[in-house]
All heavy atoms as atom14 arrays in JSON, in Angstrom:
{
  "sequence": "NIPQGTATLKNGEWAKSRLLGREICGKTLGVLGLGRVGRIVADR",
  "atom14_mask": [
    [1, 1, 1, 1, 1, 1, 1, 1, 0, 0, 0, 0, 0, 0],
    [1, 1, 1, 1, 1, 1, 1, 1, 0, 0, 0, 0, 0, 0],
    [1, 1, 1, 1, 1, 1, 1, 0, 0, 0, 0, 0, 0, 0],
    [1, 1, 1, 1, 1, 1, 1, 1, 1, 0, 0, 0, 0, 0],
    [1, 1, 1, 1, 0, 0, 0, 0, 0, 0, 0, 0, 0, 0],
    [1, 1, 1, 1, 1, 1, 1, 0, 0, 0, 0, 0, 0, 0],
    [1, 1, 1, 1, 1, 0, 0, 0, 0, 0, 0, 0, 0, 0],
    [1, 1, 1, 1, 1, 1, 1, 0, 0, 0, 0, 0, 0, 0],
    [1, 1, 1, 1, 1, 1, 1, 1, 0, 0, 0, 0, 0, 0],
    [1, 1, 1, 1, 1, 1, 1, 1, 1, 0, 0, 0, 0, 0],
    [1, 1, 1, 1, 1, 1, 1, 1, 0, 0, 0, 0, 0, 0],
    [1, 1, 1, 1, 0, 0, 0, 0, 0, 0, 0, 0, 0, 0],
    [1, 1, 1, 1, 1, 1, 1, 1, 1, 0, 0, 0, 0, 0],
    [1, 1, 1, 1, 1, 1, 1, 1, 1, 1, 1, 1, 1, 1],
    [1, 1, 1, 1, 1, 0, 0, 0, 0, 0, 0, 0, 0, 0],
    [1, 1, 1, 1, 1, 1, 1, 1, 1, 0, 0, 0, 0, 0],
    [1, 1, 1, 1, 1, 1, 0, 0, 0, 0, 0, 0, 0, 0],
    [1, 1, 1, 1, 1, 1, 1, 1, 1, 1, 1, 0, 0, 0],
    [1, 1, 1, 1, 1, 1, 1, 1, 0, 0, 0, 0, 0, 0],
    [1, 1, 1, 1, 1, 1, 1, 1, 0, 0, 0, 0, 0, 0],
    [1, 1, 1, 1, 0, 0, 0, 0, 0, 0, 0, 0, 0, 0],
    [1, 1, 1, 1, 1, 1, 1, 1, 1, 1, 1, 0, 0, 0],
    [1, 1, 1, 1, 1, 1, 1, 1, 1, 0, 0, 0, 0, 0],
    [1, 1, 1, 1, 1, 1, 1, 1, 0, 0, 0, 0, 0, 0],
    [1, 1, 1, 1, 1, 1, 0, 0, 0, 0, 0, 0, 0, 0],
    [1, 1, 1, 1, 0, 0, 0, 0, 0, 0, 0, 0, 0, 0],
    [1, 1, 1, 1, 1, 1, 1, 1, 1, 0, 0, 0, 0, 0],
    [1, 1, 1, 1, 1, 1, 1, 0, 0, 0, 0, 0, 0, 0],
    [1, 1, 1, 1, 1, 1, 1, 1, 0, 0, 0, 0, 0, 0],
    [1, 1, 1, 1, 0, 0, 0, 0, 0, 0, 0, 0, 0, 0],
    [1, 1, 1, 1, 1, 1, 1, 0, 0, 0, 0, 0, 0, 0],
    [1, 1, 1, 1, 1, 1, 1, 1, 0, 0, 0, 0, 0, 0],
    [1, 1, 1, 1, 0, 0, 0, 0, 0, 0, 0, 0, 0, 0],
    [1, 1, 1, 1, 1, 1, 1, 1, 0, 0, 0, 0, 0, 0],
    [1, 1, 1, 1, 0, 0, 0, 0, 0, 0, 0, 0, 0, 0],
    [1, 1, 1, 1, 1, 1, 1, 1, 1, 1, 1, 0, 0, 0],
    [1, 1, 1, 1, 1, 1, 1, 0, 0, 0, 0, 0, 0, 0],
    [1, 1, 1, 1, 0, 0, 0, 0, 0, 0, 0, 0, 0, 0],
    [1, 1, 1, 1, 1, 1, 1, 1, 1, 1, 1, 0, 0, 0],
    [1, 1, 1, 1, 1, 1, 1, 1, 0, 0, 0, 0, 0, 0],
    [1, 1, 1, 1, 1, 1, 1, 0, 0, 0, 0, 0, 0, 0],
    [1, 1, 1, 1, 1, 0, 0, 0, 0, 0, 0, 0, 0, 0],
    [1, 1, 1, 1, 1, 1, 1, 1, 0, 0, 0, 0, 0, 0],
    [1, 1, 1, 1, 1, 1, 1, 1, 1, 1, 1, 0, 0, 0]
  ],
  "atom14_positions": [
    [[213.11, 113.51, 87.91], [212.71, 114.88, 88.28], [212.75, 115.12, 89.79], [211.89, 115.82, 90.34], [211.3, 115.18, 87.76], [211.21, 115.11, 86.26], [211.98, 115.76, 85.54], [210.28, 114.3, 85.75], [0.0, 0.0, 0.0], [0.0, 0.0, 0.0], [0.0, 0.0, 0.0], [0.0, 0.0, 0.0], [0.0, 0.0, 0.0], [0.0, 0.0, 0.0]],
    [[213.75, 114.55, 90.45], [213.79, 114.66, 91.91], [214.0, 116.1, 92.39], [213.3, 116.54, 93.32], [214.86, 113.7, 92.47], [214.4, 112.25, 92.27], [215.14, 113.97, 93.95], [215.43, 111.21, 92.6], [0.0, 0.0, 0.0], [0.0, 0.0, 0.0], [0.0, 0.0, 0.0], [0.0, 0.0, 0.0], [0.0, 0.0, 0.0], [0.0, 0.0, 0.0]],
    [[214.92, 116.88, 91.8], [215.05, 118.27, 92.28], [213.78, 119.09, 92.07], [213.38, 119.86, 92.94], [216.21, 118.82, 91.42], [216.97, 117.62, 91.0], [215.94, 116.57, 90.79], [0.0, 0.0, 0.0], [0.0, 0.0, 0.0], [0.0, 0.0, 0.0], [0.0, 0.0, 0.0], [0.0, 0.0, 0.0], [0.0, 0.0, 0.0], [0.0, 0.0, 0.0]],
    [[213.14, 118.9, 90.9], [211.92, 119.64, 90.63], [210.79, 119.22, 91.57], [210.0, 120.06, 92.04], [211.48, 119.42, 89.18], [212.5, 119.88, 88.14], [213.45, 118.78, 87.7], [213.85, 117.93, 88.51], [213.82, 118.8, 86.42], [0.0, 0.0, 0.0], [0.0, 0.0, 0.0], [0.0, 0.0, 0.0], [0.0, 0.0, 0.0], [0.0, 0.0, 0.0]],
    [[210.73, 117.93, 91.85], [209.71, 117.45, 92.77], [209.89, 118.01, 94.17], [208.93, 118.4, 94.84], [0.0, 0.0, 0.0], [0.0, 0.0, 0.0], [0.0, 0.0, 0.0], [0.0, 0.0, 0.0], [0.0, 0.0, 0.0], [0.0, 0.0, 0.0], [0.0, 0.0, 0.0], [0.0, 0.0, 0.0], [0.0, 0.0, 0.0], [0.0, 0.0, 0.0]],
    [[211.14, 118.05, 94.61], [211.43, 118.61, 95.94], [211.09, 120.09, 95.99], [210.44, 120.57, 96.93], [212.92, 118.4, 96.28], [213.23, 117.02, 96.26], [213.25, 118.98, 97.65], [0.0, 0.0, 0.0], [0.0, 0.0, 0.0], [0.0, 0.0, 0.0], [0.0, 0.0, 0.0], [0.0, 0.0, 0.0], [0.0, 0.0, 0.0], [0.0, 0.0, 0.0]],
    [[211.53, 120.83, 94.96], [211.32, 122.29, 94.95], [209.84, 122.64, 94.91], [209.39, 123.54, 95.64], [212.05, 122.91, 93.76], [0.0, 0.0, 0.0], [0.0, 0.0, 0.0], [0.0, 0.0, 0.0], [0.0, 0.0, 0.0], [0.0, 0.0, 0.0], [0.0, 0.0, 0.0], [0.0, 0.0, 0.0], [0.0, 0.0, 0.0], [0.0, 0.0, 0.0]],
    [[209.07, 121.95, 94.06], [207.65, 122.29, 93.94], [206.89, 121.92, 95.22], [206.01, 122.67, 95.66], [207.02, 121.59, 92.73], [207.32, 120.18, 92.78], [207.54, 122.17, 91.43], [0.0, 0.0, 0.0], [0.0, 0.0, 0.0], [0.0, 0.0, 0.0], [0.0, 0.0, 0.0], [0.0, 0.0, 0.0], [0.0, 0.0, 0.0], [0.0, 0.0, 0.0]],
    [[207.23, 120.79, 95.81], [206.53, 120.38, 97.03], [206.84, 121.36, 98.18], [205.95, 121.73, 98.95], [206.94, 118.97, 97.42], [206.09, 118.27, 98.49], [204.64, 118.22, 98.07], [206.63, 116.87, 98.75], [0.0, 0.0, 0.0], [0.0, 0.0, 0.0], [0.0, 0.0, 0.0], [0.0, 0.0, 0.0], [0.0, 0.0, 0.0], [0.0, 0.0, 0.0]],
    [[208.1, 121.79, 98.3], [208.46, 122.76, 99.32], [207.79, 124.12, 99.07], [207.63, 124.92, 99.99], [209.98, 122.93, 99.38], [210.71, 121.75, 100.03], [212.21, 121.98, 100.05], [212.94, 120.83, 100.76], [212.71, 120.83, 102.21], [0.0, 0.0, 0.0], [0.0, 0.0, 0.0], [0.0, 0.0, 0.0], [0.0, 0.0, 0.0], [0.0, 0.0, 0.0]],
    [[207.41, 124.35, 97.81], [206.75, 125.59, 97.44], [205.23, 125.48, 97.56], [204.49, 126.38, 97.15], [207.13, 125.97, 96.0], [206.83, 127.41, 95.69], [207.04, 128.31, 96.52], [206.31, 127.67, 94.49], [0.0, 0.0, 0.0], [0.0, 0.0, 0.0], [0.0, 0.0, 0.0], [0.0, 0.0, 0.0], [0.0, 0.0, 0.0], [0.0, 0.0, 0.0]],
    [[204.76, 124.37, 98.12], [203.33, 124.2, 98.34], [202.57, 123.62, 97.16], [201.34, 123.59, 97.17], [0.0, 0.0, 0.0], [0.0, 0.0, 0.0], [0.0, 0.0, 0.0], [0.0, 0.0, 0.0], [0.0, 0.0, 0.0], [0.0, 0.0, 0.0], [0.0, 0.0, 0.0], [0.0, 0.0, 0.0], [0.0, 0.0, 0.0], [0.0, 0.0, 0.0]],
    [[203.28, 123.12, 96.15], [202.62, 122.56, 94.97], [202.65, 121.03, 95.02], [203.57, 120.44, 95.56], [203.33, 123.0, 93.69], [203.39, 124.49, 93.45], [204.17, 124.82, 92.19], [203.73, 124.38, 91.11], [205.23, 125.47, 92.29], [0.0, 0.0, 0.0], [0.0, 0.0, 0.0], [0.0, 0.0, 0.0], [0.0, 0.0, 0.0], [0.0, 0.0, 0.0]],
    [[201.61, 120.42, 94.45], [201.57, 118.98, 94.27], [201.63, 118.73, 92.76], [200.62, 118.63, 92.08], [200.29, 118.4, 94.87], [200.25, 116.9, 94.91], [199.58, 116.07, 94.07], [200.92, 116.05, 95.84], [199.77, 114.75, 94.41], [200.59, 114.72, 95.5], [201.76, 116.27, 96.93], [201.07, 113.62, 96.22], [202.24, 115.18, 97.64], [201.89, 113.87, 97.28]],
    [[202.88, 118.65, 92.23], [203.1, 118.68, 90.79], [203.26, 117.29, 90.19], [203.91, 117.12, 89.15], [204.32, 119.53, 90.48], [0.0, 0.0, 0.0], [0.0, 0.0, 0.0], [0.0, 0.0, 0.0], [0.0, 0.0, 0.0], [0.0, 0.0, 0.0], [0.0, 0.0, 0.0], [0.0, 0.0, 0.0], [0.0, 0.0, 0.0], [0.0, 0.0, 0.0]],
    [[202.63, 116.31, 90.8], [202.8, 114.92, 90.36], [202.49, 114.72, 88.88], [203.22, 114.05, 88.16], [201.91, 114.02, 91.22], [201.97, 112.55, 90.84], [201.09, 111.72, 91.77], [201.12, 110.26, 91.35], [200.29, 109.42, 92.26], [0.0, 0.0, 0.0], [0.0, 0.0, 0.0], [0.0, 0.0, 0.0], [0.0, 0.0, 0.0], [0.0, 0.0, 0.0]],
    [[201.43, 115.34, 88.4], [200.98, 115.08, 87.03], [201.92, 115.63, 85.97], [201.93, 115.13, 84.84], [199.58, 115.68, 86.83], [199.61, 117.08, 87.03], [0.0, 0.0, 0.0], [0.0, 0.0, 0.0], [0.0, 0.0, 0.0], [0.0, 0.0, 0.0], [0.0, 0.0, 0.0], [0.0, 0.0, 0.0], [0.0, 0.0, 0.0], [0.0, 0.0, 0.0]],
    [[202.71, 116.65, 86.29], [203.6, 117.21, 85.27], [205.07, 116.84, 85.47], [205.94, 117.37, 84.78], [203.46, 118.74, 85.21], [203.78, 119.51, 86.46], [203.46, 121.0, 86.23], [203.6, 121.81, 87.42], [204.72, 122.36, 87.84], [205.83, 122.18, 87.15], [204.73, 123.1, 88.94], [0.0, 0.0, 0.0], [0.0, 0.0, 0.0], [0.0, 0.0, 0.0]],
    [[205.34, 115.94, 86.39], [206.72, 115.5, 86.61], [206.86, 114.02, 86.26], [207.36, 113.22, 87.04], [207.15, 115.77, 88.06], [207.26, 117.25, 88.44], [207.64, 117.39, 89.92], [208.28, 117.97, 87.56], [0.0, 0.0, 0.0], [0.0, 0.0, 0.0], [0.0, 0.0, 0.0], [0.0, 0.0, 0.0], [0.0, 0.0, 0.0], [0.0, 0.0, 0.0]],
    [[206.41, 113.7, 85.05], [206.5, 112.32, 84.58], [207.95, 111.96, 84.29], [208.63, 112.65, 83.53], [205.67, 112.16, 83.31], [205.56, 110.75, 82.73], [204.76, 109.85, 83.68], [204.91, 110.8, 81.35], [0.0, 0.0, 0.0], [0.0, 0.0, 0.0], [0.0, 0.0, 0.0], [0.0, 0.0, 0.0], [0.0, 0.0, 0.0], [0.0, 0.0, 0.0]],
    [[208.43, 110.9, 84.9], [209.83, 110.53, 84.75], [210.04, 109.41, 83.75], [209.14, 109.04, 83.0], [0.0, 0.0, 0.0], [0.0, 0.0, 0.0], [0.0, 0.0, 0.0], [0.0, 0.0, 0.0], [0.0, 0.0, 0.0], [0.0, 0.0, 0.0], [0.0, 0.0, 0.0], [0.0, 0.0, 0.0], [0.0, 0.0, 0.0], [0.0, 0.0, 0.0]],
    [[211.26, 108.89, 83.72], [211.62, 107.8, 82.82], [212.33, 106.72, 83.63], [213.12, 107.01, 84.53], [212.6, 108.29, 81.74], [212.16, 109.53, 80.98], [211.15, 109.22, 79.9], [210.88, 110.43, 79.13], [211.57, 110.82, 78.07], [212.61, 110.1, 77.66], [211.24, 111.92, 77.42], [0.0, 0.0, 0.0], [0.0, 0.0, 0.0], [0.0, 0.0, 0.0]],
    [[212.09, 105.46, 83.3], [212.85, 104.36, 83.88], [214.23, 104.31, 83.24], [214.41, 104.66, 82.07], [212.15, 103.03, 83.63], [210.91, 102.8, 84.45], [210.36, 101.4, 84.26], [210.98, 100.6, 83.51], [209.32, 101.1, 84.86], [0.0, 0.0, 0.0], [0.0, 0.0, 0.0], [0.0, 0.0, 0.0], [0.0, 0.0, 0.0], [0.0, 0.0, 0.0]],
    [[215.21, 103.85, 84.01], [216.53, 103.63, 83.42], [216.76, 102.16, 83.08], [217.62, 101.84, 82.27], [217.66, 104.13, 84.35], [217.67, 103.39, 85.67], [217.56, 105.63, 84.54], [218.9, 103.68, 86.5], [0.0, 0.0, 0.0], [0.0, 0.0, 0.0], [0.0, 0.0, 0.0], [0.0, 0.0, 0.0], [0.0, 0.0, 0.0], [0.0, 0.0, 0.0]],
    [[215.99, 101.27, 83.67], [216.1, 99.85, 83.36], [215.86, 99.64, 81.87], [214.86, 100.11, 81.31], [215.09, 99.07, 84.18], [215.13, 97.29, 83.89], [0.0, 0.0, 0.0], [0.0, 0.0, 0.0], [0.0, 0.0, 0.0], [0.0, 0.0, 0.0], [0.0, 0.0, 0.0], [0.0, 0.0, 0.0], [0.0, 0.0, 0.0], [0.0, 0.0, 0.0]],
    [[216.8, 98.95, 81.21], [216.65, 98.68, 79.8], [217.16, 99.77, 78.89], [217.27, 99.58, 77.67], [0.0, 0.0, 0.0], [0.0, 0.0, 0.0], [0.0, 0.0, 0.0], [0.0, 0.0, 0.0], [0.0, 0.0, 0.0], [0.0, 0.0, 0.0], [0.0, 0.0, 0.0], [0.0, 0.0, 0.0], [0.0, 0.0, 0.0], [0.0, 0.0, 0.0]],
    [[217.49, 100.94, 79.44], [218.03, 102.03, 78.63], [219.5, 101.77, 78.32], [220.21, 101.06, 79.04], [217.89, 103.36, 79.36], [216.47, 103.79, 79.66], [215.69, 104.11, 78.41], [214.35, 104.77, 78.72], [213.43, 103.92, 79.5], [0.0, 0.0, 0.0], [0.0, 0.0, 0.0], [0.0, 0.0, 0.0], [0.0, 0.0, 0.0], [0.0, 0.0, 0.0]],
    [[219.98, 102.38, 77.24], [221.38, 102.26, 76.86], [222.16, 103.44, 77.42], [221.86, 104.6, 77.11], [221.54, 102.22, 75.33], [220.88, 101.05, 74.82], [223.02, 102.18, 74.94], [0.0, 0.0, 0.0], [0.0, 0.0, 0.0], [0.0, 0.0, 0.0], [0.0, 0.0, 0.0], [0.0, 0.0, 0.0], [0.0, 0.0, 0.0], [0.0, 0.0, 0.0]],
    [[223.14, 103.13, 78.24], [224.02, 104.15, 78.8], [225.31, 104.18, 77.98], [226.01, 103.17, 77.88], [224.35, 103.86, 80.26], [225.31, 104.86, 80.94], [224.65, 106.22, 81.08], [225.77, 104.35, 82.3], [0.0, 0.0, 0.0], [0.0, 0.0, 0.0], [0.0, 0.0, 0.0], [0.0, 0.0, 0.0], [0.0, 0.0, 0.0], [0.0, 0.0, 0.0]],
    [[225.63, 105.33, 77.43], [226.88, 105.5, 76.72], [227.9, 106.14, 77.64], [227.68, 107.22, 78.16], [0.0, 0.0, 0.0], [0.0, 0.0, 0.0], [0.0, 0.0, 0.0], [0.0, 0.0, 0.0], [0.0, 0.0, 0.0], [0.0, 0.0, 0.0], [0.0, 0.0, 0.0], [0.0, 0.0, 0.0], [0.0, 0.0, 0.0], [0.0, 0.0, 0.0]],
    [[229.01, 105.45, 77.86], [230.04, 105.95, 78.78], [231.22, 106.45, 77.94], [231.89, 105.66, 77.26], [230.51, 104.84, 79.75], [231.54, 105.4, 80.72], [229.32, 104.27, 80.52], [0.0, 0.0, 0.0], [0.0, 0.0, 0.0], [0.0, 0.0, 0.0], [0.0, 0.0, 0.0], [0.0, 0.0, 0.0], [0.0, 0.0, 0.0], [0.0, 0.0, 0.0]],
    [[231.45, 107.73, 77.99], [232.59, 108.32, 77.29], [233.76, 108.4, 78.26], [233.78, 109.22, 79.17], [232.22, 109.73, 76.79], [233.37, 110.56, 76.19], [234.04, 109.83, 75.05], [232.85, 111.93, 75.76], [0.0, 0.0, 0.0], [0.0, 0.0, 0.0], [0.0, 0.0, 0.0], [0.0, 0.0, 0.0], [0.0, 0.0, 0.0], [0.0, 0.0, 0.0]],
    [[234.73, 107.52, 78.1], [235.87, 107.46, 78.99], [235.75, 106.29, 79.94], [234.91, 106.29, 80.83], [0.0, 0.0, 0.0], [0.0, 0.0, 0.0], [0.0, 0.0, 0.0], [0.0, 0.0, 0.0], [0.0, 0.0, 0.0], [0.0, 0.0, 0.0], [0.0, 0.0, 0.0], [0.0, 0.0, 0.0], [0.0, 0.0, 0.0], [0.0, 0.0, 0.0]],
    [[236.58, 105.27, 79.74], [236.52, 104.06, 80.57], [237.76, 103.94, 81.45], [238.39, 102.88, 81.52], [236.37, 102.83, 79.69], [234.96, 102.38, 79.29], [234.13, 102.01, 80.5], [234.25, 103.42, 78.46], [0.0, 0.0, 0.0], [0.0, 0.0, 0.0], [0.0, 0.0, 0.0], [0.0, 0.0, 0.0], [0.0, 0.0, 0.0], [0.0, 0.0, 0.0]],
    [[238.1, 105.04, 82.11], [239.16, 105.0, 83.11], [238.58, 104.56, 84.44], [237.57, 103.86, 84.49], [0.0, 0.0, 0.0], [0.0, 0.0, 0.0], [0.0, 0.0, 0.0], [0.0, 0.0, 0.0], [0.0, 0.0, 0.0], [0.0, 0.0, 0.0], [0.0, 0.0, 0.0], [0.0, 0.0, 0.0], [0.0, 0.0, 0.0], [0.0, 0.0, 0.0]],
    [[239.21, 104.99, 85.53], [238.78, 104.55, 86.86], [237.31, 104.88, 87.12], [236.52, 104.04, 87.55], [239.66, 105.18, 87.94], [241.1, 104.69, 87.96], [241.85, 105.37, 89.09], [243.22, 104.91, 89.22], [244.24, 105.47, 88.59], [244.04, 106.52, 87.81], [245.46, 105.0, 88.75], [0.0, 0.0, 0.0], [0.0, 0.0, 0.0], [0.0, 0.0, 0.0]],
    [[236.93, 106.14, 86.9], [235.56, 106.57, 87.2], [234.58, 105.93, 86.23], [233.53, 105.4, 86.63], [235.45, 108.1, 87.17], [234.0, 108.53, 87.39], [236.35, 108.73, 88.23], [0.0, 0.0, 0.0], [0.0, 0.0, 0.0], [0.0, 0.0, 0.0], [0.0, 0.0, 0.0], [0.0, 0.0, 0.0], [0.0, 0.0, 0.0], [0.0, 0.0, 0.0]],
    [[234.89, 105.99, 84.94], [233.98, 105.45, 83.94], [233.67, 103.99, 84.15], [232.53, 103.54, 83.95], [0.0, 0.0, 0.0], [0.0, 0.0, 0.0], [0.0, 0.0, 0.0], [0.0, 0.0, 0.0], [0.0, 0.0, 0.0], [0.0, 0.0, 0.0], [0.0, 0.0, 0.0], [0.0, 0.0, 0.0], [0.0, 0.0, 0.0], [0.0, 0.0, 0.0]],
    [[234.67, 103.22, 84.56], [234.45, 101.78, 84.77], [233.53, 101.53, 85.97], [232.72, 100.6, 85.95], [235.78, 101.06, 84.97], [236.58, 100.92, 83.68], [237.82, 100.07, 83.85], [238.57, 99.97, 82.61], [238.29, 99.1, 81.64], [237.29, 98.26, 81.78], [239.01, 99.07, 80.54], [0.0, 0.0, 0.0], [0.0, 0.0, 0.0], [0.0, 0.0, 0.0]],
    [[233.66, 102.35, 87.01], [232.75, 102.18, 88.16], [231.34, 102.55, 87.78], [230.37, 101.87, 88.15], [233.25, 103.03, 89.35], [234.59, 102.51, 89.85], [232.22, 102.98, 90.49], [235.22, 103.36, 90.94], [0.0, 0.0, 0.0], [0.0, 0.0, 0.0], [0.0, 0.0, 0.0], [0.0, 0.0, 0.0], [0.0, 0.0, 0.0], [0.0, 0.0, 0.0]],
    [[231.17, 103.63, 87.02], [229.85, 104.03, 86.55], [229.23, 102.9, 85.72], [228.05, 102.55, 85.9], [229.92, 105.32, 85.72], [228.59, 105.59, 85.01], [230.28, 106.51, 86.6], [0.0, 0.0, 0.0], [0.0, 0.0, 0.0], [0.0, 0.0, 0.0], [0.0, 0.0, 0.0], [0.0, 0.0, 0.0], [0.0, 0.0, 0.0], [0.0, 0.0, 0.0]],
    [[230.02, 102.33, 84.82], [229.53, 101.23, 83.99], [229.1, 100.05, 84.84], [228.03, 99.45, 84.61], [230.61, 100.82, 82.99], [0.0, 0.0, 0.0], [0.0, 0.0, 0.0], [0.0, 0.0, 0.0], [0.0, 0.0, 0.0], [0.0, 0.0, 0.0], [0.0, 0.0, 0.0], [0.0, 0.0, 0.0], [0.0, 0.0, 0.0], [0.0, 0.0, 0.0]],
    [[229.88, 99.71, 85.83], [229.57, 98.58, 86.71], [228.26, 98.81, 87.46], [227.41, 97.92, 87.54], [230.71, 98.38, 87.7], [230.41, 97.3, 88.72], [230.44, 96.11, 88.35], [230.13, 97.65, 89.89], [0.0, 0.0, 0.0], [0.0, 0.0, 0.0], [0.0, 0.0, 0.0], [0.0, 0.0, 0.0], [0.0, 0.0, 0.0], [0.0, 0.0, 0.0]],
    [[228.09, 100.02, 88.01], [226.86, 100.32, 88.74], [225.65, 100.32, 87.81], [224.55, 99.88, 88.18], [226.97, 101.68, 89.44], [228.16, 101.83, 90.39], [228.16, 100.82, 91.52], [229.18, 101.14, 92.51], [230.41, 100.64, 92.53], [230.78, 99.77, 91.58], [231.27, 100.98, 93.47], [0.0, 0.0, 0.0], [0.0, 0.0, 0.0], [0.0, 0.0, 0.0]]
  ]
}
């Protein structure tokens, strides 16, 4: 929620409690298309 966090903070809000995020570690990333770009995304 980085864009929302930036926007609310610049708007004078401290929206920490409602901007609960998710970890990506351990999540399954599905890559549709394993050409040049897709392979780099997969590697990262």
